[in-house]
Amino acid sequence: MTLQTVLLAVGPGDADRSEKLAETVVEIAAPADATVVLGHVFTSSEYDEVLTRLDFDTEVAEDDPDEVAMRHSTIRELQETLDEYEIDYETRGAVGDHGPAIVDMATAVDADRVVVGGRRRSPTGKAVFGSTAQEVLLSAPCPVTFVRNEDE
């Protein structure tokens, strides 16, 4: 299997693990000369909050989550790392429930691998609150690499 496209799924909880996500995606994409898709998924409320915080013209930005994702600080940090390693990338944004939106994005970009971050949770925590990473692991159209926080 040739590795051409790696989707790095980024969400609101990934700022604290962006360095580890960057290291992981570099380890996967660089040897294969693969393109990385930096995919930032926002829920509707997160999206509205980011539009306000980044002072977007809501008339324009409401229909362009790609543009909003490109201005997000976590994405910019990841872009700097990928530039440093001369890895080709593109940035995509999506609005919706995190798990299904990541799976849809992986399908849309024809990803050969998805990289997703998360934290360790108890089985009860997953059952009660759900798990984006678990949903992606079970539903993605390709292999998934899970990156958890260093302190867990």
C-alpha atoms as a PDB file:
ATOM      1  CA  MET A   1       0.000   0.000   0.000  1.00  0.00           C
ATOM      2  CA  THR A   2       1.409   3.345  -1.048  1.00  0.00           C
ATOM      3  CA  LEU A   3       1.078   6.128   1.449  1.00  0.00           C
ATOM      4  CA  GLN A   4       0.106   9.288  -0.435  1.00  0.00           C
ATOM      5  CA  THR A   5      -2.234  11.207   1.874  1.00  0.00           C
ATOM      6  CA  VAL A   6      -2.204  11.453   5.663  1.00  0.00           C
ATOM      7  CA  LEU A   7      -5.061  13.228   7.443  1.00  0.00           C
ATOM      8  CA  LEU A   8      -4.041  14.826  10.719  1.00  0.00           C
ATOM      9  CA  ALA A   9      -7.302  15.457  12.553  1.00  0.00           C
ATOM     10  CA  VAL A  10      -7.103  18.480  14.829  1.00  0.00           C
ATOM     11  CA  GLY A  11      -9.692  19.642  17.312  1.00  0.00           C
ATOM     12  CA  PRO A  12     -10.074  22.078  20.161  1.00  0.00           C
ATOM     13  CA  GLY A  13      -8.357  19.781  22.673  1.00  0.00           C
ATOM     14  CA  ASP A  14      -5.219  19.297  20.600  1.00  0.00           C
ATOM     15  CA  ALA A  15      -3.322  22.498  21.399  1.00  0.00           C
ATOM     16  CA  ASP A  16      -1.567  20.807  24.320  1.00  0.00           C
ATOM     17  CA  ARG A  17      -0.451  17.858  22.200  1.00  0.00           C
ATOM     18  CA  SER A  18       0.304  19.638  18.910  1.00  0.00           C
ATOM     19  CA  GLU A  19       4.042  18.975  19.219  1.00  0.00           C
ATOM     20  CA  LYS A  20       3.492  15.226  19.655  1.00  0.00           C
ATOM     21  CA  LEU A  21       0.978  15.201  16.774  1.00  0.00           C
ATOM     22  CA  ALA A  22       3.497  17.017  14.576  1.00  0.00           C
ATOM     23  CA  GLU A  23       6.283  14.557  15.457  1.00  0.00           C
ATOM     24  CA  THR A  24       4.034  11.612  14.680  1.00  0.00           C
ATOM     25  CA  VAL A  25       2.808  12.921  11.349  1.00  0.00           C
ATOM     26  CA  VAL A  26       6.379  13.782  10.305  1.00  0.00           C
ATOM     27  CA  GLU A  27       7.496  10.219  11.145  1.00  0.00           C
ATOM     28  CA  ILE A  28       4.691   8.830   8.994  1.00  0.00           C
ATOM     29  CA  ALA A  29       4.580  11.256   6.063  1.00  0.00           C
ATOM     30  CA  ALA A  30       8.231  12.209   5.489  1.00  0.00           C
ATOM     31  CA  PRO A  31       9.621   8.781   4.505  1.00  0.00           C
ATOM     32  CA  ALA A  32       6.730   8.226   2.080  1.00  0.00           C
ATOM     33  CA  ASP A  33       6.832  11.785   0.693  1.00  0.00           C
ATOM     34  CA  ALA A  34       3.110  11.901   1.477  1.00  0.00           C
ATOM     35  CA  THR A  35       0.929  14.990   1.557  1.00  0.00           C
ATOM     36  CA  VAL A  36      -0.548  15.866   4.945  1.00  0.00           C
ATOM     37  CA  VAL A  37      -4.066  17.211   5.193  1.00  0.00           C
ATOM     38  CA  LEU A  38      -4.443  19.273   8.350  1.00  0.00           C
ATOM     39  CA  GLY A  39      -8.119  18.832   9.116  1.00  0.00           C
ATOM     40  CA  HIS A  40      -9.659  20.980  11.840  1.00  0.00           C
ATOM     41  CA  VAL A  41     -13.196  20.021  12.860  1.00  0.00           C
ATOM     42  CA  PHE A  42     -15.378  22.447  14.788  1.00  0.00           C
ATOM     43  CA  THR A  43     -18.770  21.811  16.347  1.00  0.00           C
ATOM     44  CA  SER A  44     -21.272  24.564  15.494  1.00  0.00           C
ATOM     45  CA  SER A  45     -20.775  26.273  18.847  1.00  0.00           C
ATOM     46  CA  GLU A  46     -16.955  26.004  18.610  1.00  0.00           C
ATOM     47  CA  TYR A  47     -17.099  27.451  15.101  1.00  0.00           C
ATOM     48  CA  ASP A  48     -19.182  30.434  16.215  1.00  0.00           C
ATOM     49  CA  GLU A  49     -16.789  31.032  19.116  1.00  0.00           C
ATOM     50  CA  VAL A  50     -13.731  30.917  16.835  1.00  0.00           C
ATOM     51  CA  LEU A  51     -15.354  33.292  14.340  1.00  0.00           C
ATOM     52  CA  THR A  52     -15.882  35.782  17.145  1.00  0.00           C
ATOM     53  CA  ARG A  53     -12.451  35.270  18.756  1.00  0.00           C
ATOM     54  CA  LEU A  54     -10.564  35.629  15.460  1.00  0.00           C
ATOM     55  CA  ASP A  55     -12.699  38.624  14.482  1.00  0.00           C
ATOM     56  CA  PHE A  56     -13.903  37.103  11.214  1.00  0.00           C
ATOM     57  CA  ASP A  57     -16.440  38.797   9.013  1.00  0.00           C
ATOM     58  CA  THR A  58     -19.210  36.263   9.662  1.00  0.00           C
ATOM     59  CA  GLU A  59     -20.832  37.015   6.310  1.00  0.00           C
ATOM     60  CA  VAL A  60     -17.736  35.677   4.538  1.00  0.00           C
ATOM     61  CA  ALA A  61     -16.392  33.087   6.986  1.00  0.00           C
ATOM     62  CA  GLU A  62     -19.645  31.269   7.663  1.00  0.00           C
ATOM     63  CA  ASP A  63     -19.296  29.408   4.379  1.00  0.00           C
ATOM     64  CA  ASP A  64     -15.543  28.851   4.512  1.00  0.00           C
ATOM     65  CA  PRO A  65     -14.385  26.614   7.370  1.00  0.00           C
ATOM     66  CA  ASP A  66     -11.118  26.024   5.452  1.00  0.00           C
ATOM     67  CA  GLU A  67     -10.201  29.696   5.895  1.00  0.00           C
ATOM     68  CA  VAL A  68     -11.133  29.630   9.578  1.00  0.00           C
ATOM     69  CA  ALA A  69      -9.033  26.494  10.129  1.00  0.00           C
ATOM     70  CA  MET A  70      -6.014  28.117   8.444  1.00  0.00           C
ATOM     71  CA  ARG A  71      -6.071  30.952  10.977  1.00  0.00           C
ATOM     72  CA  HIS A  72      -6.330  28.717  14.024  1.00  0.00           C
ATOM     73  CA  SER A  73      -3.177  28.771  16.187  1.00  0.00           C
ATOM     74  CA  THR A  74      -2.831  24.982  16.472  1.00  0.00           C
ATOM     75  CA  ILE A  75      -2.948  24.633  12.681  1.00  0.00           C
ATOM     76  CA  ARG A  76      -0.369  27.403  12.249  1.00  0.00           C
ATOM     77  CA  GLU A  77       2.005  25.639  14.676  1.00  0.00           C
ATOM     78  CA  LEU A  78       1.610  22.385  12.755  1.00  0.00           C
ATOM     79  CA  GLN A  79       2.204  24.186   9.443  1.00  0.00           C
ATOM     80  CA  GLU A  80       5.476  25.597  10.787  1.00  0.00           C
ATOM     81  CA  THR A  81       6.685  22.105  11.672  1.00  0.00           C
ATOM     82  CA  LEU A  82       5.670  20.679   8.293  1.00  0.00           C
ATOM     83  CA  ASP A  83       7.410  23.593   6.530  1.00  0.00           C
ATOM     84  CA  GLU A  84      10.551  22.867   8.561  1.00  0.00           C
ATOM     85  CA  TYR A  85      10.555  19.272   7.281  1.00  0.00           C
ATOM     86  CA  GLU A  86       9.517  20.329   3.758  1.00  0.00           C
ATOM     87  CA  ILE A  87       6.366  18.212   3.874  1.00  0.00           C
ATOM     88  CA  ASP A  88       3.574  19.184   1.499  1.00  0.00           C
ATOM     89  CA  TYR A  89       0.290  19.932   3.197  1.00  0.00           C
ATOM     90  CA  GLU A  90      -3.118  21.445   2.736  1.00  0.00           C
ATOM     91  CA  THR A  91      -5.580  22.669   5.325  1.00  0.00           C
ATOM     92  CA  ARG A  92      -9.246  21.748   5.543  1.00  0.00           C
ATOM     93  CA  GLY A  93     -11.919  22.829   7.953  1.00  0.00           C
ATOM     94  CA  ALA A  94     -15.265  21.249   8.718  1.00  0.00           C
ATOM     95  CA  VAL A  95     -18.217  21.991  10.955  1.00  0.00           C
ATOM     96  CA  GLY A  96     -20.070  19.107  12.586  1.00  0.00           C
ATOM     97  CA  ASP A  97     -19.733  16.372  15.155  1.00  0.00           C
ATOM     98  CA  HIS A  98     -16.028  15.599  15.516  1.00  0.00           C
ATOM     99  CA  GLY A  99     -15.990  11.835  14.881  1.00  0.00           C
ATOM    100  CA  PRO A 100     -18.262  11.670  11.821  1.00  0.00           C
ATOM    101  CA  ALA A 101     -16.713  14.823  10.332  1.00  0.00           C
ATOM    102  CA  ILE A 102     -13.202  13.359  10.611  1.00  0.00           C
ATOM    103  CA  VAL A 103     -14.339  10.116   8.977  1.00  0.00           C
ATOM    104  CA  ASP A 104     -16.084  12.090   6.202  1.00  0.00           C
ATOM    105  CA  MET A 105     -12.961  14.188   5.671  1.00  0.00           C
ATOM    106  CA  ALA A 106     -10.767  11.070   5.495  1.00  0.00           C
ATOM    107  CA  THR A 107     -13.076   9.687   2.824  1.00  0.00           C
ATOM    108  CA  ALA A 108     -13.214  12.982   0.910  1.00  0.00           C
ATOM    109  CA  VAL A 109      -9.420  13.354   0.722  1.00  0.00           C
ATOM    110  CA  ASP A 110      -8.905   9.639   0.063  1.00  0.00           C
ATOM    111  CA  ALA A 111      -6.634   9.377   3.098  1.00  0.00           C
ATOM    112  CA  ASP A 112      -4.303   6.397   3.380  1.00  0.00           C
ATOM    113  CA  ARG A 113      -3.816   7.062   7.116  1.00  0.00           C
ATOM    114  CA  VAL A 114      -5.528   9.177   9.777  1.00  0.00           C
ATOM    115  CA  VAL A 115      -3.661  10.542  12.784  1.00  0.00           C
ATOM    116  CA  VAL A 116      -5.865  11.530  15.713  1.00  0.00           C
ATOM    117  CA  GLY A 117      -5.061  12.685  19.224  1.00  0.00           C
ATOM    118  CA  GLY A 118      -6.820  11.870  22.430  1.00  0.00           C
ATOM    119  CA  ARG A 119      -6.528  11.119  26.071  1.00  0.00           C
ATOM    120  CA  ARG A 120      -6.892   7.982  28.117  1.00  0.00           C
ATOM    121  CA  ARG A 121     -10.404   7.529  29.441  1.00  0.00           C
ATOM    122  CA  SER A 122     -12.082   4.920  31.534  1.00  0.00           C
ATOM    123  CA  PRO A 123     -14.580   2.603  29.829  1.00  0.00           C
ATOM    124  CA  THR A 124     -17.346   4.353  31.774  1.00  0.00           C
ATOM    125  CA  GLY A 125     -16.132   7.750  30.590  1.00  0.00           C
ATOM    126  CA  LYS A 126     -16.227   6.592  26.989  1.00  0.00           C
ATOM    127  CA  ALA A 127     -19.690   5.102  27.383  1.00  0.00           C
ATOM    128  CA  VAL A 128     -21.136   8.185  29.029  1.00  0.00           C
ATOM    129  CA  PHE A 129     -19.354  10.923  27.087  1.00  0.00           C
ATOM    130  CA  GLY A 130     -18.401   9.139  23.868  1.00  0.00           C
ATOM    131  CA  SER A 131     -14.976   9.159  22.304  1.00  0.00           C
ATOM    132  CA  THR A 132     -14.081  10.927  19.092  1.00  0.00           C
ATOM    133  CA  ALA A 133     -10.913   8.874  18.723  1.00  0.00           C
ATOM    134  CA  GLN A 134     -12.806   5.626  19.284  1.00  0.00           C
ATOM    135  CA  GLU A 135     -15.364   6.547  16.643  1.00  0.00           C
ATOM    136  CA  VAL A 136     -12.613   7.393  14.166  1.00  0.00           C
ATOM    137  CA  LEU A 137     -10.729   4.175  14.971  1.00  0.00           C
ATOM    138  CA  LEU A 138     -13.843   2.111  14.306  1.00  0.00           C
ATOM    139  CA  SER A 139     -15.239   3.991  11.297  1.00  0.00           C
ATOM    140  CA  ALA A 140     -12.333   5.420   9.285  1.00  0.00           C
ATOM    141  CA  PRO A 141     -11.829   4.098   5.754  1.00  0.00           C
ATOM    142  CA  CYS A 142      -8.106   3.534   6.415  1.00  0.00           C
ATOM    143  CA  PRO A 143      -5.680   2.726   9.255  1.00  0.00           C
ATOM    144  CA  VAL A 144      -5.655   5.163  12.182  1.00  0.00           C
ATOM    145  CA  THR A 145      -2.750   6.180  14.396  1.00  0.00           C
ATOM    146  CA  PHE A 146      -3.780   7.311  17.870  1.00  0.00           C
ATOM    147  CA  VAL A 147      -1.562   9.825  19.678  1.00  0.00           C
ATOM    148  CA  ARG A 148      -2.232  10.348  23.372  1.00  0.00           C
ATOM    149  CA  ASN A 149      -0.934  12.959  25.767  1.00  0.00           C
ATOM    150  CA  GLU A 150       2.560  12.389  27.113  1.00  0.00           C
ATOM    151  CA  ASP A 151       1.443  12.788  30.733  1.00  0.00           C
ATOM    152  CA  GLU A 152      -1.002   9.879  30.656  1.00  0.00           C
END
